Amino acid sequence: MGTLKYGNGDDATFTMDDVDLAHLAAVVTAKLRRREPFLLTCRSETTRQSIWIHEASTLVYGYETPAAIDLDRARLEAMVVDTNRPTGLTVRCEARALHAVGALAAAA
């Protein structure tokens, strides 16, 4: 399982499959290179949390798998389309590891 850490310190941490995280990282990188902010929602069976991704966002990707992951071009293209929707991109996360602290926890 991989992790996406958002913010300075431990503002929010999302845990997901390494393959899902690799695809998300590629999409986020492409969007931020073009200075295109978007809404990212991480959803589990029991929780949902959204964050605003923009060029000043601090993001750290951690992978359990050391090897490079092959990316599916069709999946990437579909994810990019979703980032442009008013509801943004929704990804699946693990409920047991989805947590927030600080300002994000107060808003939840």
N, C-alpha and C. Protein backbone atom coordinates (compact mmCIF):
# COMPACT_ATOMS: atom_id res chain seq x y z
N MET A 1 0.84 -1.18 0.00
CA MET A 1 0.00 0.00 0.00
C MET A 1 0.88 1.24 0.00
N GLY A 2 0.49 2.22 -0.79
CA GLY A 2 1.22 3.47 -0.86
C GLY A 2 0.50 4.55 -0.07
N THR A 3 1.20 5.67 0.15
CA THR A 3 0.60 6.78 0.88
C THR A 3 0.82 8.09 0.14
N LEU A 4 -0.18 8.94 0.21
CA LEU A 4 -0.08 10.32 -0.25
C LEU A 4 -0.20 11.19 0.99
N LYS A 5 0.84 11.97 1.25
CA LYS A 5 0.80 12.92 2.37
C LYS A 5 0.63 14.30 1.78
N TYR A 6 -0.34 15.03 2.32
CA TYR A 6 -0.70 16.35 1.83
C TYR A 6 -0.43 17.38 2.92
N GLY A 7 0.21 18.47 2.55
CA GLY A 7 0.43 19.57 3.49
C GLY A 7 1.78 19.48 4.19
N ASN A 8 2.02 20.46 5.02
CA ASN A 8 3.26 20.50 5.80
C ASN A 8 3.08 19.67 7.05
N GLY A 9 4.03 18.82 7.32
CA GLY A 9 3.89 17.96 8.49
C GLY A 9 2.97 16.80 8.17
N ASP A 10 1.93 16.64 8.97
CA ASP A 10 1.01 15.52 8.81
C ASP A 10 -0.43 16.03 8.69
N ASP A 11 -0.66 16.99 7.78
CA ASP A 11 -2.00 17.55 7.62
C ASP A 11 -3.02 16.51 7.20
N ALA A 12 -2.67 15.68 6.23
CA ALA A 12 -3.57 14.61 5.79
C ALA A 12 -2.74 13.51 5.15
N THR A 13 -3.13 12.28 5.39
CA THR A 13 -2.47 11.12 4.81
C THR A 13 -3.53 10.20 4.23
N PHE A 14 -3.32 9.80 2.98
CA PHE A 14 -4.25 8.90 2.30
C PHE A 14 -3.49 7.64 1.91
N THR A 15 -4.06 6.48 2.18
CA THR A 15 -3.43 5.21 1.85
C THR A 15 -4.23 4.52 0.75
N MET A 16 -3.50 4.04 -0.26
CA MET A 16 -4.14 3.36 -1.39
C MET A 16 -3.16 2.38 -2.01
N ASP A 17 -3.65 1.57 -2.90
CA ASP A 17 -2.84 0.63 -3.64
C ASP A 17 -1.73 1.37 -4.39
N ASP A 18 -0.53 0.78 -4.47
CA ASP A 18 0.59 1.42 -5.15
C ASP A 18 0.28 1.75 -6.61
N VAL A 19 -0.45 0.88 -7.29
CA VAL A 19 -0.80 1.13 -8.70
C VAL A 19 -1.71 2.35 -8.80
N ASP A 20 -2.70 2.43 -7.92
CA ASP A 20 -3.59 3.60 -7.91
C ASP A 20 -2.80 4.87 -7.60
N LEU A 21 -1.88 4.78 -6.65
CA LEU A 21 -1.08 5.94 -6.27
C LEU A 21 -0.18 6.39 -7.42
N ALA A 22 0.41 5.46 -8.14
CA ALA A 22 1.26 5.81 -9.27
C ALA A 22 0.47 6.55 -10.35
N HIS A 23 -0.74 6.09 -10.63
CA HIS A 23 -1.58 6.77 -11.60
C HIS A 23 -1.96 8.16 -11.10
N LEU A 24 -2.33 8.26 -9.84
CA LEU A 24 -2.67 9.55 -9.26
C LEU A 24 -1.49 10.51 -9.32
N ALA A 25 -0.30 10.04 -8.98
CA ALA A 25 0.89 10.88 -9.01
C ALA A 25 1.16 11.42 -10.41
N ALA A 26 0.98 10.58 -11.42
CA ALA A 26 1.20 11.01 -12.80
C ALA A 26 0.20 12.09 -13.20
N VAL A 27 -1.06 11.92 -12.82
CA VAL A 27 -2.10 12.91 -13.13
C VAL A 27 -1.84 14.21 -12.40
N VAL A 28 -1.53 14.14 -11.12
CA VAL A 28 -1.25 15.34 -10.34
C VAL A 28 -0.06 16.09 -10.93
N THR A 29 0.99 15.38 -11.27
CA THR A 29 2.18 16.01 -11.85
C THR A 29 1.83 16.72 -13.15
N ALA A 30 1.07 16.07 -14.01
CA ALA A 30 0.69 16.69 -15.28
C ALA A 30 -0.14 17.95 -15.06
N LYS A 31 -1.09 17.88 -14.13
CA LYS A 31 -1.95 19.05 -13.86
C LYS A 31 -1.13 20.20 -13.27
N LEU A 32 -0.26 19.90 -12.33
CA LEU A 32 0.51 20.97 -11.69
C LEU A 32 1.54 21.58 -12.63
N ARG A 33 2.07 20.81 -13.55
CA ARG A 33 2.99 21.38 -14.56
C ARG A 33 2.28 22.43 -15.40
N ARG A 34 0.99 22.23 -15.61
CA ARG A 34 0.19 23.19 -16.39
C ARG A 34 -0.46 24.24 -15.50
N ARG A 35 -0.16 24.20 -14.20
CA ARG A 35 -0.74 25.13 -13.22
C ARG A 35 -2.27 25.07 -13.25
N GLU A 36 -2.78 23.85 -13.24
CA GLU A 36 -4.22 23.61 -13.24
C GLU A 36 -4.63 22.97 -11.92
N PRO A 37 -5.12 23.76 -10.97
CA PRO A 37 -5.56 23.19 -9.70
C PRO A 37 -6.84 22.37 -9.89
N PHE A 38 -7.09 21.46 -8.94
CA PHE A 38 -8.30 20.64 -9.01
C PHE A 38 -8.63 20.08 -7.64
N LEU A 39 -9.87 19.59 -7.52
CA LEU A 39 -10.34 18.97 -6.29
C LEU A 39 -10.06 17.47 -6.34
N LEU A 40 -9.46 16.95 -5.28
CA LEU A 40 -9.20 15.52 -5.15
C LEU A 40 -9.99 15.00 -3.96
N THR A 41 -10.82 14.00 -4.20
CA THR A 41 -11.58 13.37 -3.13
C THR A 41 -11.10 11.95 -2.96
N CYS A 42 -10.83 11.59 -1.72
CA CYS A 42 -10.41 10.24 -1.37
C CYS A 42 -11.58 9.59 -0.64
N ARG A 43 -12.06 8.49 -1.17
CA ARG A 43 -13.26 7.85 -0.62
C ARG A 43 -12.96 6.40 -0.24
N SER A 44 -13.47 6.03 0.93
CA SER A 44 -13.41 4.63 1.36
C SER A 44 -14.85 4.15 1.50
N GLU A 45 -15.04 2.97 2.04
CA GLU A 45 -16.40 2.46 2.24
C GLU A 45 -17.15 3.27 3.29
N THR A 46 -16.42 3.88 4.22
CA THR A 46 -17.08 4.57 5.33
C THR A 46 -16.77 6.06 5.44
N THR A 47 -15.78 6.56 4.72
CA THR A 47 -15.39 7.97 4.84
C THR A 47 -15.14 8.60 3.48
N ARG A 48 -15.11 9.93 3.49
CA ARG A 48 -14.79 10.69 2.28
C ARG A 48 -14.12 11.98 2.72
N GLN A 49 -13.04 12.33 2.04
CA GLN A 49 -12.34 13.56 2.37
C GLN A 49 -11.84 14.19 1.07
N SER A 50 -12.00 15.52 0.96
CA SER A 50 -11.57 16.23 -0.24
C SER A 50 -10.49 17.24 0.10
N ILE A 51 -9.55 17.41 -0.82
CA ILE A 51 -8.50 18.41 -0.68
C ILE A 51 -8.34 19.15 -2.00
N TRP A 52 -7.91 20.40 -1.92
CA TRP A 52 -7.68 21.22 -3.09
C TRP A 52 -6.21 21.10 -3.46
N ILE A 53 -5.93 20.60 -4.65
CA ILE A 53 -4.55 20.43 -5.12
C ILE A 53 -4.22 21.64 -5.99
N HIS A 54 -3.14 22.34 -5.65
CA HIS A 54 -2.70 23.51 -6.42
C HIS A 54 -1.18 23.56 -6.42
N GLU A 55 -0.61 24.50 -7.16
CA GLU A 55 0.84 24.50 -7.35
C GLU A 55 1.63 24.72 -6.06
N ALA A 56 1.03 25.27 -5.03
CA ALA A 56 1.73 25.46 -3.76
C ALA A 56 1.52 24.30 -2.79
N SER A 57 0.79 23.28 -3.22
CA SER A 57 0.54 22.11 -2.36
C SER A 57 1.84 21.36 -2.11
N THR A 58 2.00 20.91 -0.88
CA THR A 58 3.12 20.03 -0.54
C THR A 58 2.60 18.60 -0.55
N LEU A 59 3.15 17.79 -1.44
CA LEU A 59 2.70 16.41 -1.61
C LEU A 59 3.89 15.47 -1.50
N VAL A 60 3.72 14.38 -0.78
CA VAL A 60 4.75 13.35 -0.67
C VAL A 60 4.10 12.01 -1.00
N TYR A 61 4.66 11.31 -1.98
CA TYR A 61 4.16 9.99 -2.37
C TYR A 61 5.10 8.93 -1.81
N GLY A 62 4.55 7.95 -1.13
CA GLY A 62 5.36 6.85 -0.60
C GLY A 62 4.84 5.53 -1.13
N TYR A 63 5.74 4.73 -1.70
CA TYR A 63 5.34 3.46 -2.30
C TYR A 63 5.92 2.28 -1.52
N GLU A 64 5.13 1.25 -1.37
CA GLU A 64 5.60 0.01 -0.75
C GLU A 64 6.43 -0.78 -1.75
N THR A 65 6.07 -0.69 -3.03
CA THR A 65 6.75 -1.40 -4.10
C THR A 65 7.93 -0.58 -4.59
N PRO A 66 9.16 -1.10 -4.55
CA PRO A 66 10.31 -0.32 -4.99
C PRO A 66 10.43 -0.20 -6.51
N ALA A 67 9.86 -1.14 -7.24
CA ALA A 67 9.97 -1.15 -8.70
C ALA A 67 9.03 -0.12 -9.33
N ALA A 68 9.41 0.37 -10.50
CA ALA A 68 8.55 1.28 -11.25
C ALA A 68 7.26 0.56 -11.64
N ILE A 69 6.18 1.31 -11.69
CA ILE A 69 4.87 0.74 -12.00
C ILE A 69 4.46 1.16 -13.40
N ASP A 70 4.03 0.18 -14.21
CA ASP A 70 3.56 0.48 -15.56
C ASP A 70 2.23 1.21 -15.46
N LEU A 71 2.11 2.30 -16.22
CA LEU A 71 0.90 3.11 -16.19
C LEU A 71 0.02 2.80 -17.40
N ASP A 72 -1.27 2.80 -17.18
CA ASP A 72 -2.28 2.55 -18.20
C ASP A 72 -2.72 3.90 -18.78
N ARG A 73 -2.39 4.13 -20.04
CA ARG A 73 -2.66 5.42 -20.67
C ARG A 73 -4.15 5.76 -20.67
N ALA A 74 -5.01 4.79 -20.96
CA ALA A 74 -6.46 5.03 -20.99
C ALA A 74 -6.95 5.44 -19.60
N ARG A 75 -6.44 4.79 -18.58
CA ARG A 75 -6.82 5.14 -17.21
C ARG A 75 -6.37 6.56 -16.87
N LEU A 76 -5.15 6.91 -17.25
CA LEU A 76 -4.65 8.27 -17.00
C LEU A 76 -5.52 9.32 -17.68
N GLU A 77 -5.87 9.05 -18.94
CA GLU A 77 -6.69 10.00 -19.68
C GLU A 77 -8.06 10.18 -19.03
N ALA A 78 -8.65 9.09 -18.57
CA ALA A 78 -9.95 9.17 -17.90
C ALA A 78 -9.84 9.96 -16.59
N MET A 79 -8.74 9.77 -15.87
CA MET A 79 -8.54 10.50 -14.62
C MET A 79 -8.37 11.99 -14.87
N VAL A 80 -7.65 12.35 -15.93
CA VAL A 80 -7.46 13.77 -16.26
C VAL A 80 -8.80 14.41 -16.60
N VAL A 81 -9.64 13.70 -17.34
CA VAL A 81 -10.98 14.21 -17.66
C VAL A 81 -11.75 14.48 -16.36
N ASP A 82 -11.67 13.55 -15.42
CA ASP A 82 -12.38 13.72 -14.14
C ASP A 82 -11.88 14.93 -13.36
N THR A 83 -10.60 15.26 -13.46
CA THR A 83 -10.09 16.42 -12.72
C THR A 83 -10.74 17.72 -13.17
N ASN A 84 -11.25 17.74 -14.38
CA ASN A 84 -11.87 18.95 -14.92
C ASN A 84 -13.36 19.06 -14.61
N ARG A 85 -13.92 18.08 -13.98
CA ARG A 85 -15.34 18.12 -13.59
C ARG A 85 -15.50 18.98 -12.33
N PRO A 86 -16.67 19.56 -12.12
CA PRO A 86 -16.90 20.36 -10.91
C PRO A 86 -16.66 19.57 -9.62
N THR A 87 -16.90 18.26 -9.66
CA THR A 87 -16.69 17.43 -8.47
C THR A 87 -15.26 16.93 -8.36
N GLY A 88 -14.44 17.19 -9.35
CA GLY A 88 -13.04 16.80 -9.31
C GLY A 88 -12.82 15.31 -9.49
N LEU A 89 -11.63 14.87 -9.11
CA LEU A 89 -11.23 13.47 -9.24
C LEU A 89 -11.47 12.75 -7.92
N THR A 90 -12.12 11.59 -7.99
CA THR A 90 -12.34 10.77 -6.80
C THR A 90 -11.52 9.49 -6.93
N VAL A 91 -10.77 9.18 -5.87
CA VAL A 91 -9.97 7.96 -5.83
C VAL A 91 -10.38 7.13 -4.62
N ARG A 92 -10.07 5.86 -4.65
CA ARG A 92 -10.41 4.95 -3.56
C ARG A 92 -9.24 4.85 -2.60
N CYS A 93 -9.52 5.01 -1.32
CA CYS A 93 -8.51 4.92 -0.26
C CYS A 93 -8.91 3.86 0.75
N GLU A 94 -7.99 3.50 1.59
CA GLU A 94 -8.26 2.55 2.67
C GLU A 94 -8.85 3.28 3.86
N ALA A 95 -9.97 2.80 4.37
CA ALA A 95 -10.66 3.46 5.49
C ALA A 95 -9.82 3.49 6.75
N ARG A 96 -9.11 2.42 7.04
CA ARG A 96 -8.36 2.36 8.29
C ARG A 96 -7.21 3.36 8.31
N ALA A 97 -6.76 3.82 7.14
CA ALA A 97 -5.62 4.71 7.11
C ALA A 97 -5.98 6.14 6.71
N LEU A 98 -7.23 6.38 6.39
CA LEU A 98 -7.66 7.72 6.00
C LEU A 98 -7.83 8.55 7.26
N HIS A 99 -7.00 9.55 7.41
CA HIS A 99 -7.12 10.40 8.60
C HIS A 99 -6.65 11.81 8.29
N ALA A 100 -7.04 12.71 9.11
CA ALA A 100 -6.62 14.11 8.96
C ALA A 100 -6.39 14.70 10.33
N VAL A 101 -5.50 15.66 10.37
CA VAL A 101 -5.24 16.38 11.61
C VAL A 101 -5.24 17.87 11.29
N GLY A 102 -5.18 18.69 12.31
CA GLY A 102 -5.11 20.13 12.10
C GLY A 102 -6.39 20.68 11.51
N ALA A 103 -6.25 21.60 10.58
CA ALA A 103 -7.39 22.30 9.99
C ALA A 103 -8.33 21.33 9.27
N LEU A 104 -7.78 20.31 8.63
CA LEU A 104 -8.64 19.37 7.92
C LEU A 104 -9.51 18.58 8.88
N ALA A 105 -8.99 18.24 10.03
CA ALA A 105 -9.78 17.50 11.02
C ALA A 105 -10.90 18.37 11.57
N ALA A 106 -10.63 19.65 11.75
CA ALA A 106 -11.65 20.55 12.27
C ALA A 106 -12.80 20.71 11.29
N ALA A 107 -12.49 20.63 10.00
CA ALA A 107 -13.51 20.79 8.97
C ALA A 107 -14.32 19.51 8.77
N ALA A 108 -13.78 18.39 9.19
CA ALA A 108 -14.45 17.10 8.96
C ALA A 108 -15.63 16.88 9.88
